[in-house]
Amino acid sequence: MISRNRCSDSPNVHVSRLAFCCISSPLTATPPALAALPGANRTPAPARIRTVCRCGSLVRVDVTIWTTARDARAWLDAANGRGDTELTCRILKIGEEAGEVAAAWIGLLGQNPRKGVTHTREEVAAELADVAFTALVAIESLGLDAHSVLAACAGKVRSRTGGGMNRDDDADV
């Protein structure tokens, strides 16, 4: 654990395990699509988290997420091009993934009496992660840096919710 008051030039590398969800699950992805994604067909390796100093505060950055979003965008660009129709499909893919979240939630609640309970909270969370990751790829496809866009969004939300750090934010930094 790194104290919030300490900021140095020495590299502070932390390792954490991520259950990483790509655009499609291994059960539904086409073999070429699955094979092209980083880490396909194997257990995710530990993701490196580096701590960097920005404006006097420590910020943890999971490099794996941002590089994988860029890699997925590049892979899609190479396979499908970068035209407006392709960009439209990438944006619509977010809605498709959101539908899978809805289906998983209905399955968790057992809403369909014919099927009963078919999903777990972990499966709902994995579907939500698919939505988030698909959105990051779409942002990168717009020619923008997903990390910067997401950081700006977090700042906007933080300012609406009272801003500033609370005690829980300091615990893991």
N, C-alpha and C. Protein backbone atom coordinates (compact mmCIF):
# COMPACT_ATOMS: atom_id res chain seq x y z
N MET A 1 0.85 -1.16 0.00
CA MET A 1 0.00 0.00 0.00
C MET A 1 0.90 1.24 0.00
N ILE A 2 0.51 2.23 -0.74
CA ILE A 2 1.30 3.45 -0.86
C ILE A 2 0.56 4.58 -0.17
N SER A 3 1.25 5.31 0.63
CA SER A 3 0.65 6.44 1.31
C SER A 3 0.33 7.53 0.30
N ARG A 4 -0.81 8.18 0.50
CA ARG A 4 -1.23 9.25 -0.39
C ARG A 4 -0.26 10.43 -0.33
N ASN A 5 0.43 10.59 0.79
CA ASN A 5 1.34 11.73 0.96
C ASN A 5 2.71 11.49 0.33
N ARG A 6 2.97 10.30 -0.17
CA ARG A 6 4.28 9.99 -0.72
C ARG A 6 4.20 9.92 -2.24
N CYS A 7 5.01 10.69 -2.90
CA CYS A 7 5.05 10.66 -4.36
C CYS A 7 6.50 10.78 -4.77
N SER A 8 7.01 9.74 -5.41
CA SER A 8 8.40 9.78 -5.81
C SER A 8 8.52 9.33 -7.25
N ASP A 9 9.71 9.43 -7.78
CA ASP A 9 9.96 9.00 -9.14
C ASP A 9 10.21 7.50 -9.24
N SER A 10 10.35 6.83 -8.10
CA SER A 10 10.62 5.39 -8.15
C SER A 10 9.38 4.66 -8.65
N PRO A 11 9.60 3.62 -9.46
CA PRO A 11 8.44 2.88 -9.99
C PRO A 11 7.77 2.08 -8.88
N ASN A 12 6.49 2.23 -8.77
CA ASN A 12 5.69 1.46 -7.81
C ASN A 12 4.76 0.59 -8.62
N VAL A 13 5.11 -0.66 -8.73
CA VAL A 13 4.32 -1.55 -9.57
C VAL A 13 3.57 -2.52 -8.67
N HIS A 14 2.30 -2.61 -8.88
CA HIS A 14 1.45 -3.52 -8.13
C HIS A 14 0.88 -4.53 -9.11
N VAL A 15 0.61 -5.71 -8.63
CA VAL A 15 0.04 -6.73 -9.49
C VAL A 15 -1.33 -7.08 -8.95
N SER A 16 -2.30 -7.12 -9.82
CA SER A 16 -3.63 -7.56 -9.43
C SER A 16 -4.18 -8.47 -10.51
N ARG A 17 -5.01 -9.40 -10.11
CA ARG A 17 -5.62 -10.30 -11.08
C ARG A 17 -6.90 -9.67 -11.57
N LEU A 18 -7.09 -9.72 -12.87
CA LEU A 18 -8.32 -9.22 -13.45
C LEU A 18 -9.02 -10.35 -14.19
N ALA A 19 -10.28 -10.51 -13.94
CA ALA A 19 -11.07 -11.38 -14.79
C ALA A 19 -11.50 -10.48 -15.93
N PHE A 20 -10.87 -10.63 -17.07
CA PHE A 20 -11.04 -9.67 -18.14
C PHE A 20 -12.06 -10.15 -19.15
N CYS A 21 -13.04 -9.35 -19.43
CA CYS A 21 -14.08 -9.70 -20.39
C CYS A 21 -13.81 -8.97 -21.68
N CYS A 22 -13.75 -9.70 -22.76
CA CYS A 22 -13.57 -9.10 -24.07
C CYS A 22 -14.93 -8.85 -24.71
N ILE A 23 -14.92 -8.46 -25.94
CA ILE A 23 -16.15 -8.07 -26.61
C ILE A 23 -17.17 -9.19 -26.63
N SER A 24 -16.77 -10.40 -26.82
CA SER A 24 -17.67 -11.55 -26.81
C SER A 24 -17.13 -12.59 -25.85
N SER A 25 -18.02 -13.43 -25.37
CA SER A 25 -17.56 -14.50 -24.49
C SER A 25 -16.92 -15.59 -25.32
N PRO A 26 -16.05 -16.40 -24.73
CA PRO A 26 -15.41 -17.48 -25.48
C PRO A 26 -16.41 -18.47 -26.05
N LEU A 27 -17.59 -18.56 -25.46
CA LEU A 27 -18.59 -19.50 -25.94
C LEU A 27 -19.27 -19.03 -27.21
N THR A 28 -19.32 -17.71 -27.44
CA THR A 28 -20.04 -17.20 -28.60
C THR A 28 -19.15 -16.55 -29.63
N ALA A 29 -17.89 -16.28 -29.32
CA ALA A 29 -16.99 -15.62 -30.27
C ALA A 29 -16.63 -16.58 -31.40
N THR A 30 -16.48 -16.03 -32.57
CA THR A 30 -16.02 -16.85 -33.68
C THR A 30 -14.55 -17.15 -33.44
N PRO A 31 -14.06 -18.32 -33.84
CA PRO A 31 -12.66 -18.67 -33.56
C PRO A 31 -11.65 -17.62 -34.00
N PRO A 32 -11.74 -17.02 -35.21
CA PRO A 32 -10.74 -16.01 -35.56
C PRO A 32 -10.81 -14.79 -34.65
N ALA A 33 -12.03 -14.41 -34.27
CA ALA A 33 -12.19 -13.24 -33.39
C ALA A 33 -11.57 -13.53 -32.03
N LEU A 34 -11.84 -14.71 -31.50
CA LEU A 34 -11.31 -15.08 -30.20
C LEU A 34 -9.79 -15.16 -30.23
N ALA A 35 -9.24 -15.76 -31.26
CA ALA A 35 -7.79 -15.94 -31.34
C ALA A 35 -7.06 -14.61 -31.49
N ALA A 36 -7.71 -13.62 -32.09
CA ALA A 36 -7.04 -12.34 -32.34
C ALA A 36 -6.96 -11.47 -31.09
N LEU A 37 -7.81 -11.73 -30.11
CA LEU A 37 -7.81 -10.89 -28.92
C LEU A 37 -6.68 -11.30 -27.99
N PRO A 38 -6.03 -10.33 -27.35
CA PRO A 38 -4.93 -10.64 -26.44
C PRO A 38 -5.40 -11.56 -25.31
N GLY A 39 -4.63 -12.58 -25.03
CA GLY A 39 -4.95 -13.48 -23.93
C GLY A 39 -6.00 -14.51 -24.26
N ALA A 40 -6.36 -14.64 -25.52
CA ALA A 40 -7.40 -15.59 -25.90
C ALA A 40 -6.97 -17.02 -25.58
N ASN A 41 -7.93 -17.82 -25.18
CA ASN A 41 -7.74 -19.25 -24.91
C ASN A 41 -6.75 -19.56 -23.80
N ARG A 42 -6.54 -18.64 -22.91
CA ARG A 42 -5.68 -18.94 -21.76
C ARG A 42 -6.11 -18.08 -20.58
N THR A 43 -5.72 -18.47 -19.42
CA THR A 43 -6.06 -17.75 -18.20
C THR A 43 -5.38 -16.39 -18.23
N PRO A 44 -6.12 -15.33 -17.86
CA PRO A 44 -5.50 -14.01 -17.88
C PRO A 44 -4.28 -13.94 -16.98
N ALA A 45 -3.22 -13.36 -17.48
CA ALA A 45 -2.02 -13.15 -16.68
C ALA A 45 -2.28 -11.99 -15.73
N PRO A 46 -1.50 -11.88 -14.69
CA PRO A 46 -1.69 -10.75 -13.79
C PRO A 46 -1.50 -9.44 -14.57
N ALA A 47 -2.39 -8.50 -14.32
CA ALA A 47 -2.30 -7.20 -14.98
C ALA A 47 -1.38 -6.31 -14.16
N ARG A 48 -0.55 -5.57 -14.83
CA ARG A 48 0.34 -4.66 -14.12
C ARG A 48 -0.36 -3.33 -13.91
N ILE A 49 -0.29 -2.86 -12.69
CA ILE A 49 -0.84 -1.56 -12.37
C ILE A 49 0.33 -0.69 -11.98
N ARG A 50 0.48 0.43 -12.64
CA ARG A 50 1.58 1.31 -12.28
C ARG A 50 1.03 2.54 -11.59
N THR A 51 1.80 3.08 -10.70
CA THR A 51 1.41 4.28 -9.98
C THR A 51 2.20 5.43 -10.57
N VAL A 52 1.51 6.48 -10.92
CA VAL A 52 2.17 7.64 -11.50
C VAL A 52 1.77 8.88 -10.72
N CYS A 53 2.60 9.86 -10.78
CA CYS A 53 2.35 11.10 -10.06
C CYS A 53 1.79 12.13 -11.03
N ARG A 54 0.63 12.65 -10.73
CA ARG A 54 0.02 13.71 -11.54
C ARG A 54 -0.51 14.78 -10.59
N CYS A 55 -0.04 15.97 -10.77
CA CYS A 55 -0.52 17.11 -9.98
C CYS A 55 -0.43 16.84 -8.48
N GLY A 56 0.61 16.14 -8.05
CA GLY A 56 0.82 15.93 -6.63
C GLY A 56 0.04 14.79 -6.02
N SER A 57 -0.78 14.08 -6.79
CA SER A 57 -1.52 12.96 -6.21
C SER A 57 -1.19 11.68 -6.97
N LEU A 58 -1.33 10.57 -6.30
CA LEU A 58 -1.04 9.28 -6.92
C LEU A 58 -2.29 8.76 -7.64
N VAL A 59 -2.08 8.28 -8.82
CA VAL A 59 -3.17 7.73 -9.61
C VAL A 59 -2.77 6.34 -10.08
N ARG A 60 -3.62 5.34 -9.82
CA ARG A 60 -3.33 3.99 -10.30
C ARG A 60 -3.92 3.84 -11.69
N VAL A 61 -3.13 3.35 -12.58
CA VAL A 61 -3.57 3.19 -13.97
C VAL A 61 -3.39 1.73 -14.37
N ASP A 62 -4.46 1.08 -14.76
CA ASP A 62 -4.33 -0.28 -15.24
C ASP A 62 -4.09 -0.21 -16.74
N VAL A 63 -2.86 -0.37 -17.12
CA VAL A 63 -2.43 -0.24 -18.50
C VAL A 63 -3.10 -1.29 -19.39
N THR A 64 -3.36 -2.46 -18.85
CA THR A 64 -3.95 -3.54 -19.63
C THR A 64 -5.27 -3.15 -20.27
N ILE A 65 -6.12 -2.49 -19.54
CA ILE A 65 -7.44 -2.11 -20.06
C ILE A 65 -7.29 -1.20 -21.27
N TRP A 66 -6.47 -0.17 -21.13
CA TRP A 66 -6.37 0.84 -22.20
C TRP A 66 -5.66 0.28 -23.42
N THR A 67 -4.62 -0.50 -23.22
CA THR A 67 -3.92 -1.07 -24.38
C THR A 67 -4.78 -2.12 -25.07
N THR A 68 -5.55 -2.88 -24.31
CA THR A 68 -6.42 -3.88 -24.92
C THR A 68 -7.54 -3.21 -25.71
N ALA A 69 -8.08 -2.11 -25.21
CA ALA A 69 -9.11 -1.38 -25.96
C ALA A 69 -8.54 -0.86 -27.28
N ARG A 70 -7.32 -0.31 -27.22
CA ARG A 70 -6.67 0.16 -28.46
C ARG A 70 -6.36 -0.99 -29.40
N ASP A 71 -5.89 -2.11 -28.86
CA ASP A 71 -5.59 -3.28 -29.68
C ASP A 71 -6.85 -3.84 -30.34
N ALA A 72 -7.95 -3.89 -29.59
CA ALA A 72 -9.21 -4.38 -30.16
C ALA A 72 -9.69 -3.45 -31.27
N ARG A 73 -9.55 -2.14 -31.06
CA ARG A 73 -9.92 -1.18 -32.11
C ARG A 73 -9.07 -1.38 -33.35
N ALA A 74 -7.78 -1.56 -33.18
CA ALA A 74 -6.89 -1.78 -34.32
C ALA A 74 -7.23 -3.08 -35.04
N TRP A 75 -7.54 -4.13 -34.29
CA TRP A 75 -7.92 -5.41 -34.87
C TRP A 75 -9.20 -5.26 -35.69
N LEU A 76 -10.20 -4.55 -35.13
CA LEU A 76 -11.45 -4.33 -35.86
C LEU A 76 -11.21 -3.45 -37.10
N ASP A 77 -10.36 -2.43 -36.95
CA ASP A 77 -10.03 -1.57 -38.10
C ASP A 77 -9.45 -2.41 -39.24
N ALA A 78 -8.53 -3.30 -38.91
CA ALA A 78 -7.87 -4.13 -39.92
C ALA A 78 -8.86 -5.10 -40.57
N ALA A 79 -9.76 -5.62 -39.78
CA ALA A 79 -10.71 -6.62 -40.29
C ALA A 79 -11.87 -5.99 -41.06
N ASN A 80 -12.35 -4.82 -40.58
CA ASN A 80 -13.60 -4.27 -41.10
C ASN A 80 -13.50 -2.86 -41.67
N GLY A 81 -12.35 -2.25 -41.58
CA GLY A 81 -12.22 -0.87 -42.04
C GLY A 81 -12.63 0.12 -40.96
N ARG A 82 -12.66 1.41 -41.34
CA ARG A 82 -12.92 2.47 -40.35
C ARG A 82 -14.01 3.43 -40.79
N GLY A 83 -14.82 3.03 -41.75
CA GLY A 83 -15.85 3.92 -42.27
C GLY A 83 -16.98 4.17 -41.27
N ASP A 84 -17.88 5.06 -41.69
CA ASP A 84 -19.01 5.42 -40.83
C ASP A 84 -19.92 4.22 -40.54
N THR A 85 -20.09 3.32 -41.51
CA THR A 85 -20.93 2.14 -41.28
C THR A 85 -20.30 1.26 -40.20
N GLU A 86 -19.00 1.07 -40.26
CA GLU A 86 -18.32 0.26 -39.25
C GLU A 86 -18.41 0.93 -37.88
N LEU A 87 -18.21 2.24 -37.82
CA LEU A 87 -18.31 2.96 -36.56
C LEU A 87 -19.72 2.84 -36.00
N THR A 88 -20.71 2.93 -36.87
CA THR A 88 -22.10 2.76 -36.44
C THR A 88 -22.30 1.38 -35.81
N CYS A 89 -21.75 0.35 -36.45
CA CYS A 89 -21.87 -1.01 -35.90
C CYS A 89 -21.20 -1.13 -34.54
N ARG A 90 -20.06 -0.48 -34.36
CA ARG A 90 -19.36 -0.54 -33.06
C ARG A 90 -20.17 0.15 -31.98
N ILE A 91 -20.81 1.25 -32.34
CA ILE A 91 -21.65 1.95 -31.36
C ILE A 91 -22.90 1.13 -31.05
N LEU A 92 -23.52 0.55 -32.07
CA LEU A 92 -24.70 -0.29 -31.86
C LEU A 92 -24.38 -1.53 -31.05
N LYS A 93 -23.14 -2.01 -31.14
CA LYS A 93 -22.70 -3.18 -30.37
C LYS A 93 -22.88 -2.94 -28.87
N ILE A 94 -22.76 -1.70 -28.44
CA ILE A 94 -22.97 -1.37 -27.02
C ILE A 94 -24.39 -1.72 -26.62
N GLY A 95 -25.36 -1.38 -27.47
CA GLY A 95 -26.75 -1.71 -27.20
C GLY A 95 -26.99 -3.21 -27.17
N GLU A 96 -26.34 -3.93 -28.07
CA GLU A 96 -26.45 -5.38 -28.08
C GLU A 96 -25.94 -5.96 -26.76
N GLU A 97 -24.80 -5.47 -26.32
CA GLU A 97 -24.23 -5.95 -25.05
C GLU A 97 -25.14 -5.58 -23.88
N ALA A 98 -25.76 -4.41 -23.93
CA ALA A 98 -26.69 -4.00 -22.86
C ALA A 98 -27.89 -4.94 -22.82
N GLY A 99 -28.33 -5.41 -23.99
CA GLY A 99 -29.41 -6.39 -24.03
C GLY A 99 -29.02 -7.69 -23.34
N GLU A 100 -27.76 -8.06 -23.47
CA GLU A 100 -27.28 -9.27 -22.79
C GLU A 100 -27.26 -9.07 -21.28
N VAL A 101 -26.99 -7.84 -20.82
CA VAL A 101 -27.08 -7.54 -19.39
C VAL A 101 -28.51 -7.73 -18.92
N ALA A 102 -29.46 -7.19 -19.69
CA ALA A 102 -30.88 -7.31 -19.33
C ALA A 102 -31.29 -8.78 -19.26
N ALA A 103 -30.86 -9.57 -20.24
CA ALA A 103 -31.21 -10.99 -20.24
C ALA A 103 -30.61 -11.71 -19.03
N ALA A 104 -29.37 -11.37 -18.70
CA ALA A 104 -28.73 -11.99 -17.53
C ALA A 104 -29.45 -11.60 -16.24
N TRP A 105 -29.86 -10.33 -16.14
CA TRP A 105 -30.55 -9.88 -14.93
C TRP A 105 -31.90 -10.58 -14.80
N ILE A 106 -32.62 -10.70 -15.92
CA ILE A 106 -33.89 -11.43 -15.90
C ILE A 106 -33.64 -12.88 -15.48
N GLY A 107 -32.55 -13.47 -15.98
CA GLY A 107 -32.19 -14.83 -15.60
C GLY A 107 -31.83 -14.94 -14.13
N LEU A 108 -31.20 -13.93 -13.58
CA LEU A 108 -30.85 -13.92 -12.16
C LEU A 108 -32.11 -13.87 -11.30
N LEU A 109 -33.08 -13.07 -11.74
CA LEU A 109 -34.32 -12.94 -10.97
C LEU A 109 -35.26 -14.13 -11.15
N GLY A 110 -35.00 -14.96 -12.17
CA GLY A 110 -35.90 -16.08 -12.44
C GLY A 110 -37.23 -15.60 -13.00
N GLN A 111 -37.21 -14.49 -13.69
CA GLN A 111 -38.41 -13.85 -14.22
C GLN A 111 -39.19 -14.75 -15.18
N ASN A 112 -38.49 -15.57 -15.94
CA ASN A 112 -39.14 -16.46 -16.89
C ASN A 112 -39.44 -17.78 -16.19
N PRO A 113 -40.74 -18.06 -15.93
CA PRO A 113 -41.07 -19.28 -15.18
C PRO A 113 -40.66 -20.57 -15.90
N ARG A 114 -40.60 -20.53 -17.21
CA ARG A 114 -40.20 -21.71 -17.97
C ARG A 114 -38.73 -22.04 -17.75
N LYS A 115 -37.88 -21.01 -17.58
CA LYS A 115 -36.44 -21.22 -17.42
C LYS A 115 -35.99 -21.21 -15.97
N GLY A 116 -36.66 -20.47 -15.13
CA GLY A 116 -36.24 -20.34 -13.74
C GLY A 116 -34.99 -19.46 -13.63
N VAL A 117 -34.23 -19.63 -12.56
CA VAL A 117 -33.01 -18.86 -12.33
C VAL A 117 -31.91 -19.46 -13.20
N THR A 118 -31.34 -18.61 -14.08
CA THR A 118 -30.34 -19.10 -15.03
C THR A 118 -29.00 -18.39 -14.94
N HIS A 119 -28.92 -17.31 -14.17
CA HIS A 119 -27.68 -16.53 -14.11
C HIS A 119 -27.32 -16.19 -12.67
N THR A 120 -26.07 -15.83 -12.47
CA THR A 120 -25.57 -15.39 -11.16
C THR A 120 -25.21 -13.91 -11.23
N ARG A 121 -24.96 -13.31 -10.09
CA ARG A 121 -24.51 -11.92 -10.05
C ARG A 121 -23.19 -11.76 -10.79
N GLU A 122 -22.33 -12.76 -10.67
CA GLU A 122 -21.05 -12.70 -11.36
C GLU A 122 -21.24 -12.67 -12.87
N GLU A 123 -22.21 -13.41 -13.37
CA GLU A 123 -22.50 -13.40 -14.81
C GLU A 123 -23.08 -12.07 -15.24
N VAL A 124 -23.93 -11.47 -14.41
CA VAL A 124 -24.46 -10.14 -14.71
C VAL A 124 -23.31 -9.14 -14.74
N ALA A 125 -22.41 -9.23 -13.76
CA ALA A 125 -21.25 -8.32 -13.71
C ALA A 125 -20.37 -8.50 -14.95
N ALA A 126 -20.17 -9.74 -15.39
CA ALA A 126 -19.36 -9.98 -16.59
C ALA A 126 -20.02 -9.35 -17.82
N GLU A 127 -21.33 -9.42 -17.90
CA GLU A 127 -22.04 -8.78 -19.02
C GLU A 127 -21.91 -7.25 -18.94
N LEU A 128 -21.98 -6.70 -17.73
CA LEU A 128 -21.77 -5.25 -17.56
C LEU A 128 -20.36 -4.85 -17.99
N ALA A 129 -19.38 -5.71 -17.67
CA ALA A 129 -18.00 -5.43 -18.08
C ALA A 129 -17.90 -5.45 -19.60
N ASP A 130 -18.63 -6.36 -20.26
CA ASP A 130 -18.65 -6.38 -21.73
C ASP A 130 -19.16 -5.05 -22.28
N VAL A 131 -20.21 -4.50 -21.65
CA VAL A 131 -20.75 -3.20 -22.09
C VAL A 131 -19.69 -2.12 -21.93
N ALA A 132 -19.05 -2.10 -20.77
CA ALA A 132 -18.03 -1.07 -20.51
C ALA A 132 -16.87 -1.19 -21.49
N PHE A 133 -16.40 -2.40 -21.71
CA PHE A 133 -15.25 -2.57 -22.60
C PHE A 133 -15.63 -2.24 -24.05
N THR A 134 -16.82 -2.64 -24.46
CA THR A 134 -17.28 -2.33 -25.81
C THR A 134 -17.39 -0.82 -26.00
N ALA A 135 -17.81 -0.10 -24.96
CA ALA A 135 -17.86 1.36 -25.03
C ALA A 135 -16.46 1.95 -25.16
N LEU A 136 -15.48 1.39 -24.45
CA LEU A 136 -14.10 1.87 -24.57
C LEU A 136 -13.58 1.69 -26.00
N VAL A 137 -13.89 0.55 -26.61
CA VAL A 137 -13.47 0.31 -27.99
C VAL A 137 -14.15 1.31 -28.92
N ALA A 138 -15.43 1.59 -28.69
CA ALA A 138 -16.15 2.56 -29.52
C ALA A 138 -15.53 3.96 -29.38
N ILE A 139 -15.16 4.34 -28.17
CA ILE A 139 -14.51 5.64 -27.95
C ILE A 139 -13.19 5.70 -28.71
N GLU A 140 -12.40 4.65 -28.61
CA GLU A 140 -11.13 4.59 -29.36
C GLU A 140 -11.40 4.66 -30.87
N SER A 141 -12.50 4.04 -31.31
CA SER A 141 -12.86 4.04 -32.73
C SER A 141 -13.25 5.43 -33.23
N LEU A 142 -13.67 6.30 -32.32
CA LEU A 142 -13.96 7.69 -32.68
C LEU A 142 -12.69 8.50 -32.85
N GLY A 143 -11.55 7.87 -32.59
CA GLY A 143 -10.27 8.57 -32.70
C GLY A 143 -9.88 9.30 -31.43
N LEU A 144 -10.54 8.96 -30.33
CA LEU A 144 -10.27 9.61 -29.05
C LEU A 144 -9.58 8.63 -28.11
N ASP A 145 -8.92 9.15 -27.09
CA ASP A 145 -8.27 8.33 -26.09
C ASP A 145 -9.29 7.95 -25.03
N ALA A 146 -9.63 6.66 -24.95
CA ALA A 146 -10.67 6.19 -24.02
C ALA A 146 -10.33 6.53 -22.57
N HIS A 147 -9.06 6.43 -22.20
CA HIS A 147 -8.66 6.74 -20.83
C HIS A 147 -8.98 8.19 -20.50
N SER A 148 -8.64 9.11 -21.38
CA SER A 148 -8.90 10.54 -21.15
C SER A 148 -10.39 10.82 -21.09
N VAL A 149 -11.16 10.22 -21.99
CA VAL A 149 -12.60 10.44 -22.02
C VAL A 149 -13.24 9.92 -20.73
N LEU A 150 -12.82 8.73 -20.30
CA LEU A 150 -13.38 8.16 -19.08
C LEU A 150 -12.97 8.97 -17.84
N ALA A 151 -11.73 9.44 -17.82
CA ALA A 151 -11.27 10.28 -16.69
C ALA A 151 -12.08 11.58 -16.63
N ALA A 152 -12.35 12.18 -17.78
CA ALA A 152 -13.15 13.41 -17.81
C ALA A 152 -14.57 13.13 -17.32
N CYS A 153 -15.13 11.99 -17.72
CA CYS A 153 -16.46 11.61 -17.26
C CYS A 153 -16.48 11.41 -15.74
N ALA A 154 -15.47 10.74 -15.22
CA ALA A 154 -15.38 10.53 -13.77
C ALA A 154 -15.28 11.86 -13.04
N GLY A 155 -14.52 12.79 -13.59
CA GLY A 155 -14.41 14.12 -12.98
C GLY A 155 -15.74 14.84 -12.96
N LYS A 156 -16.49 14.71 -14.05
CA LYS A 156 -17.81 15.33 -14.13
C LYS A 156 -18.76 14.74 -13.08
N VAL A 157 -18.75 13.42 -12.96
CA VAL A 157 -19.60 12.76 -11.97
C VAL A 157 -19.18 13.14 -10.56
N ARG A 158 -17.87 13.16 -10.33
CA ARG A 158 -17.37 13.53 -9.00
C ARG A 158 -17.81 14.93 -8.63
N SER A 159 -17.77 15.87 -9.57
CA SER A 159 -18.18 17.25 -9.26
C SER A 159 -19.67 17.33 -8.96
N ARG A 160 -20.47 16.49 -9.59
CA ARG A 160 -21.92 16.47 -9.33
C ARG A 160 -22.25 15.84 -7.99
N THR A 161 -21.41 14.94 -7.52
CA THR A 161 -21.72 14.19 -6.30
C THR A 161 -21.00 14.74 -5.08
N GLY A 162 -20.51 15.94 -5.15
CA GLY A 162 -19.89 16.56 -4.00
C GLY A 162 -18.40 16.71 -4.11
N GLY A 163 -17.79 16.08 -5.12
CA GLY A 163 -16.35 16.23 -5.35
C GLY A 163 -15.50 15.84 -4.16
N GLY A 164 -14.22 16.04 -4.31
CA GLY A 164 -13.28 15.76 -3.23
C GLY A 164 -13.15 14.29 -2.93
N MET A 165 -12.13 13.96 -2.19
CA MET A 165 -11.86 12.57 -1.81
C MET A 165 -12.61 12.25 -0.53
N ASN A 166 -13.10 11.03 -0.44
CA ASN A 166 -13.63 10.58 0.84
C ASN A 166 -12.65 9.56 1.41
N ARG A 167 -12.87 9.15 2.63
CA ARG A 167 -11.92 8.27 3.31
C ARG A 167 -11.71 6.96 2.56
N ASP A 168 -12.74 6.41 1.95
CA ASP A 168 -12.62 5.13 1.25
C ASP A 168 -11.68 5.24 0.05
N ASP A 169 -11.60 6.41 -0.59
CA ASP A 169 -10.73 6.58 -1.74
C ASP A 169 -9.26 6.47 -1.37
N ASP A 170 -8.91 6.85 -0.14
CA ASP A 170 -7.53 6.83 0.30
C ASP A 170 -7.04 5.42 0.65
N ALA A 171 -7.95 4.50 0.87
CA ALA A 171 -7.58 3.19 1.40
C ALA A 171 -6.64 2.41 0.48
N ASP A 172 -6.86 2.43 -0.81
CA ASP A 172 -6.06 1.61 -1.72
C ASP A 172 -4.97 2.37 -2.44
N VAL A 173 -4.84 3.63 -2.21
CA VAL A 173 -3.86 4.43 -2.97
C VAL A 173 -2.51 4.36 -2.33
